[in-house]
């Protein structure tokens, strides 16, 4: 499960950083998007640090079997949906494309469960 979590974090972090790096996001009319991306990145970082295994601790279980699903090692991608929703509402094609690409990957790999509040 730790590998799946790392993959999901990679999708989320890279996409959010790419959106933040876009020159359009620095403009005033994208302030809400910029703030949502920054907050999501901080939360992902905090959650990753809290859930990462201690250094030097061996991984339990077999490498041939899928790890047991555990809520403690699960980061819900649904709660990071807001920055991508705001990015899709942007008039900048680069930002929309980056957002849709990340959402597609999260959906394809089953990281978005659809449990986000409307």
C-alpha atoms as a PDB file:
ATOM      1  CA  UNK A   1       0.000   0.000   0.000  1.00  0.00           C
ATOM      2  CA  UNK A   2       2.936   2.277   0.626  1.00  0.00           C
ATOM      3  CA  UNK A   3       3.936   2.078  -3.061  1.00  0.00           C
ATOM      4  CA  UNK A   4       0.387   2.965  -4.175  1.00  0.00           C
ATOM      5  CA  UNK A   5       0.400   5.891  -1.792  1.00  0.00           C
ATOM      6  CA  UNK A   6       3.733   7.088  -3.171  1.00  0.00           C
ATOM      7  CA  UNK A   7       2.399   6.862  -6.732  1.00  0.00           C
ATOM      8  CA  UNK A   8      -0.712   8.828  -5.860  1.00  0.00           C
ATOM      9  CA  UNK A   9       1.330  11.463  -4.053  1.00  0.00           C
ATOM     10  CA  UNK A  10       3.578  11.696  -7.091  1.00  0.00           C
ATOM     11  CA  UNK A  11       0.580  12.391  -9.358  1.00  0.00           C
ATOM     12  CA  UNK A  12      -0.892  14.929  -6.968  1.00  0.00           C
ATOM     13  CA  UNK A  13       2.335  16.703  -6.061  1.00  0.00           C
ATOM     14  CA  UNK A  14       3.708  16.939  -9.591  1.00  0.00           C
ATOM     15  CA  UNK A  15       0.435  18.219 -11.019  1.00  0.00           C
ATOM     16  CA  UNK A  16      -0.057  20.793  -8.262  1.00  0.00           C
ATOM     17  CA  UNK A  17       3.545  22.001  -8.582  1.00  0.00           C
ATOM     18  CA  UNK A  18       3.188  22.239 -12.355  1.00  0.00           C
ATOM     19  CA  UNK A  19      -0.011  24.284 -11.987  1.00  0.00           C
ATOM     20  CA  UNK A  20       1.680  26.576  -9.449  1.00  0.00           C
ATOM     21  CA  UNK A  21       4.690  27.032 -11.734  1.00  0.00           C
ATOM     22  CA  UNK A  22       2.539  28.260 -14.623  1.00  0.00           C
ATOM     23  CA  UNK A  23       2.906  31.996 -15.201  1.00  0.00           C
ATOM     24  CA  UNK A  24      -0.885  32.414 -15.517  1.00  0.00           C
ATOM     25  CA  UNK A  25      -1.428  31.248 -11.926  1.00  0.00           C
ATOM     26  CA  UNK A  26       0.618  34.171 -10.656  1.00  0.00           C
ATOM     27  CA  UNK A  27      -2.043  36.603 -11.935  1.00  0.00           C
ATOM     28  CA  UNK A  28      -4.576  38.066  -9.512  1.00  0.00           C
ATOM     29  CA  UNK A  29      -7.640  36.345 -11.008  1.00  0.00           C
ATOM     30  CA  UNK A  30      -6.103  32.956 -10.177  1.00  0.00           C
ATOM     31  CA  UNK A  31      -5.498  33.748  -6.497  1.00  0.00           C
ATOM     32  CA  UNK A  32      -8.071  31.189  -5.308  1.00  0.00           C
ATOM     33  CA  UNK A  33      -6.481  28.471  -7.460  1.00  0.00           C
ATOM     34  CA  UNK A  34      -2.992  29.386  -6.227  1.00  0.00           C
ATOM     35  CA  UNK A  35      -4.110  29.247  -2.582  1.00  0.00           C
ATOM     36  CA  UNK A  36      -5.931  25.917  -3.079  1.00  0.00           C
ATOM     37  CA  UNK A  37      -2.805  24.384  -4.655  1.00  0.00           C
ATOM     38  CA  UNK A  38      -0.566  25.637  -1.849  1.00  0.00           C
ATOM     39  CA  UNK A  39      -2.909  24.326   0.852  1.00  0.00           C
ATOM     40  CA  UNK A  40      -3.212  20.929  -0.863  1.00  0.00           C
ATOM     41  CA  UNK A  41       0.585  20.622  -1.208  1.00  0.00           C
ATOM     42  CA  UNK A  42       1.056  21.444   2.485  1.00  0.00           C
ATOM     43  CA  UNK A  43      -1.560  18.860   3.494  1.00  0.00           C
ATOM     44  CA  UNK A  44      -0.029  16.182   1.250  1.00  0.00           C
ATOM     45  CA  UNK A  45       3.411  16.860   2.713  1.00  0.00           C
ATOM     46  CA  UNK A  46       2.092  16.739   6.293  1.00  0.00           C
ATOM     47  CA  UNK A  47       0.163  13.520   5.652  1.00  0.00           C
ATOM     48  CA  UNK A  48       3.128  11.888   3.935  1.00  0.00           C
ATOM     49  CA  UNK A  49       5.459  12.716   6.823  1.00  0.00           C
ATOM     50  CA  UNK A  50       2.920  11.465   9.342  1.00  0.00           C
ATOM     51  CA  UNK A  51       2.364   8.161   7.509  1.00  0.00           C
ATOM     52  CA  UNK A  52       5.841   7.358   6.211  1.00  0.00           C
ATOM     53  CA  UNK A  53       7.426   4.290   7.779  1.00  0.00           C
ATOM     54  CA  UNK A  54      10.255   4.893  10.257  1.00  0.00           C
ATOM     55  CA  UNK A  55      13.756   4.798   8.785  1.00  0.00           C
ATOM     56  CA  UNK A  56      15.505   1.472   9.092  1.00  0.00           C
ATOM     57  CA  UNK A  57      12.297  -0.476   9.630  1.00  0.00           C
ATOM     58  CA  UNK A  58      11.954  -3.446   7.298  1.00  0.00           C
ATOM     59  CA  UNK A  59       8.841  -3.835   5.204  1.00  0.00           C
ATOM     60  CA  UNK A  60       6.608  -6.549   6.580  1.00  0.00           C
ATOM     61  CA  UNK A  61       4.997  -9.106   4.301  1.00  0.00           C
ATOM     62  CA  UNK A  62       5.832 -10.706   1.025  1.00  0.00           C
ATOM     63  CA  UNK A  63       6.874  -8.741  -2.048  1.00  0.00           C
ATOM     64  CA  UNK A  64       4.876 -11.113  -4.277  1.00  0.00           C
ATOM     65  CA  UNK A  65       1.559 -10.553  -2.557  1.00  0.00           C
ATOM     66  CA  UNK A  66      -0.325  -7.277  -2.620  1.00  0.00           C
ATOM     67  CA  UNK A  67      -0.131  -5.497   0.733  1.00  0.00           C
ATOM     68  CA  UNK A  68      -3.120  -5.540   3.038  1.00  0.00           C
ATOM     69  CA  UNK A  69      -5.271  -2.476   2.551  1.00  0.00           C
ATOM     70  CA  UNK A  70      -5.165  -0.303   5.615  1.00  0.00           C
ATOM     71  CA  UNK A  71      -6.931   2.973   6.319  1.00  0.00           C
ATOM     72  CA  UNK A  72      -3.824   4.215   8.134  1.00  0.00           C
ATOM     73  CA  UNK A  73      -1.734   4.088   4.947  1.00  0.00           C
ATOM     74  CA  UNK A  74      -4.443   5.571   2.763  1.00  0.00           C
ATOM     75  CA  UNK A  75      -4.455   9.163   1.571  1.00  0.00           C
ATOM     76  CA  UNK A  76      -7.802  10.140   0.143  1.00  0.00           C
ATOM     77  CA  UNK A  77      -7.267  11.899  -3.168  1.00  0.00           C
ATOM     78  CA  UNK A  78     -10.876  13.111  -3.074  1.00  0.00           C
ATOM     79  CA  UNK A  79     -10.055  15.813  -0.559  1.00  0.00           C
ATOM     80  CA  UNK A  80      -7.498  17.283  -2.975  1.00  0.00           C
ATOM     81  CA  UNK A  81     -10.054  17.687  -5.774  1.00  0.00           C
ATOM     82  CA  UNK A  82     -10.674  21.448  -5.290  1.00  0.00           C
ATOM     83  CA  UNK A  83      -7.443  22.722  -6.910  1.00  0.00           C
ATOM     84  CA  UNK A  84      -8.116  20.569  -9.963  1.00  0.00           C
ATOM     85  CA  UNK A  85     -11.723  21.726 -10.162  1.00  0.00           C
ATOM     86  CA  UNK A  86     -10.589  25.361 -10.031  1.00  0.00           C
ATOM     87  CA  UNK A  87      -7.876  24.647 -12.607  1.00  0.00           C
ATOM     88  CA  UNK A  88     -10.459  23.178 -14.981  1.00  0.00           C
ATOM     89  CA  UNK A  89     -12.464  26.410 -14.698  1.00  0.00           C
ATOM     90  CA  UNK A  90      -9.417  28.406 -15.766  1.00  0.00           C
ATOM     91  CA  UNK A  91      -9.296  29.944 -19.233  1.00  0.00           C
ATOM     92  CA  UNK A  92      -5.663  28.847 -19.651  1.00  0.00           C
ATOM     93  CA  UNK A  93      -5.358  25.631 -21.715  1.00  0.00           C
ATOM     94  CA  UNK A  94      -2.047  24.613 -20.078  1.00  0.00           C
ATOM     95  CA  UNK A  95      -3.578  24.691 -16.608  1.00  0.00           C
ATOM     96  CA  UNK A  96      -6.719  22.843 -17.721  1.00  0.00           C
ATOM     97  CA  UNK A  97      -4.631  20.208 -19.519  1.00  0.00           C
ATOM     98  CA  UNK A  98      -2.404  19.601 -16.483  1.00  0.00           C
ATOM     99  CA  UNK A  99      -5.445  19.282 -14.233  1.00  0.00           C
ATOM    100  CA  UNK A 100      -7.296  16.903 -16.529  1.00  0.00           C
ATOM    101  CA  UNK A 101      -4.187  14.773 -16.995  1.00  0.00           C
ATOM    102  CA  UNK A 102      -3.757  14.316 -13.250  1.00  0.00           C
ATOM    103  CA  UNK A 103      -7.474  13.661 -12.708  1.00  0.00           C
ATOM    104  CA  UNK A 104      -7.437  11.052 -15.473  1.00  0.00           C
ATOM    105  CA  UNK A 105      -4.504   9.251 -13.831  1.00  0.00           C
ATOM    106  CA  UNK A 106      -6.115   9.372 -10.389  1.00  0.00           C
ATOM    107  CA  UNK A 107      -9.362   7.957 -11.781  1.00  0.00           C
ATOM    108  CA  UNK A 108      -7.628   5.325 -13.935  1.00  0.00           C
ATOM    109  CA  UNK A 109      -5.619   4.006 -10.987  1.00  0.00           C
ATOM    110  CA  UNK A 110      -8.578   4.109  -8.588  1.00  0.00           C
ATOM    111  CA  UNK A 111      -7.311   6.853  -6.293  1.00  0.00           C
ATOM    112  CA  UNK A 112     -10.429   9.007  -6.644  1.00  0.00           C
ATOM    113  CA  UNK A 113     -13.289   7.231  -4.932  1.00  0.00           C
ATOM    114  CA  UNK A 114     -16.041   9.772  -5.445  1.00  0.00           C
ATOM    115  CA  UNK A 115     -16.520  10.355  -1.723  1.00  0.00           C
ATOM    116  CA  UNK A 116     -15.873  14.102  -1.864  1.00  0.00           C
ATOM    117  CA  UNK A 117     -18.729  16.354  -0.700  1.00  0.00           C
ATOM    118  CA  UNK A 118     -20.634  18.108  -3.464  1.00  0.00           C
END
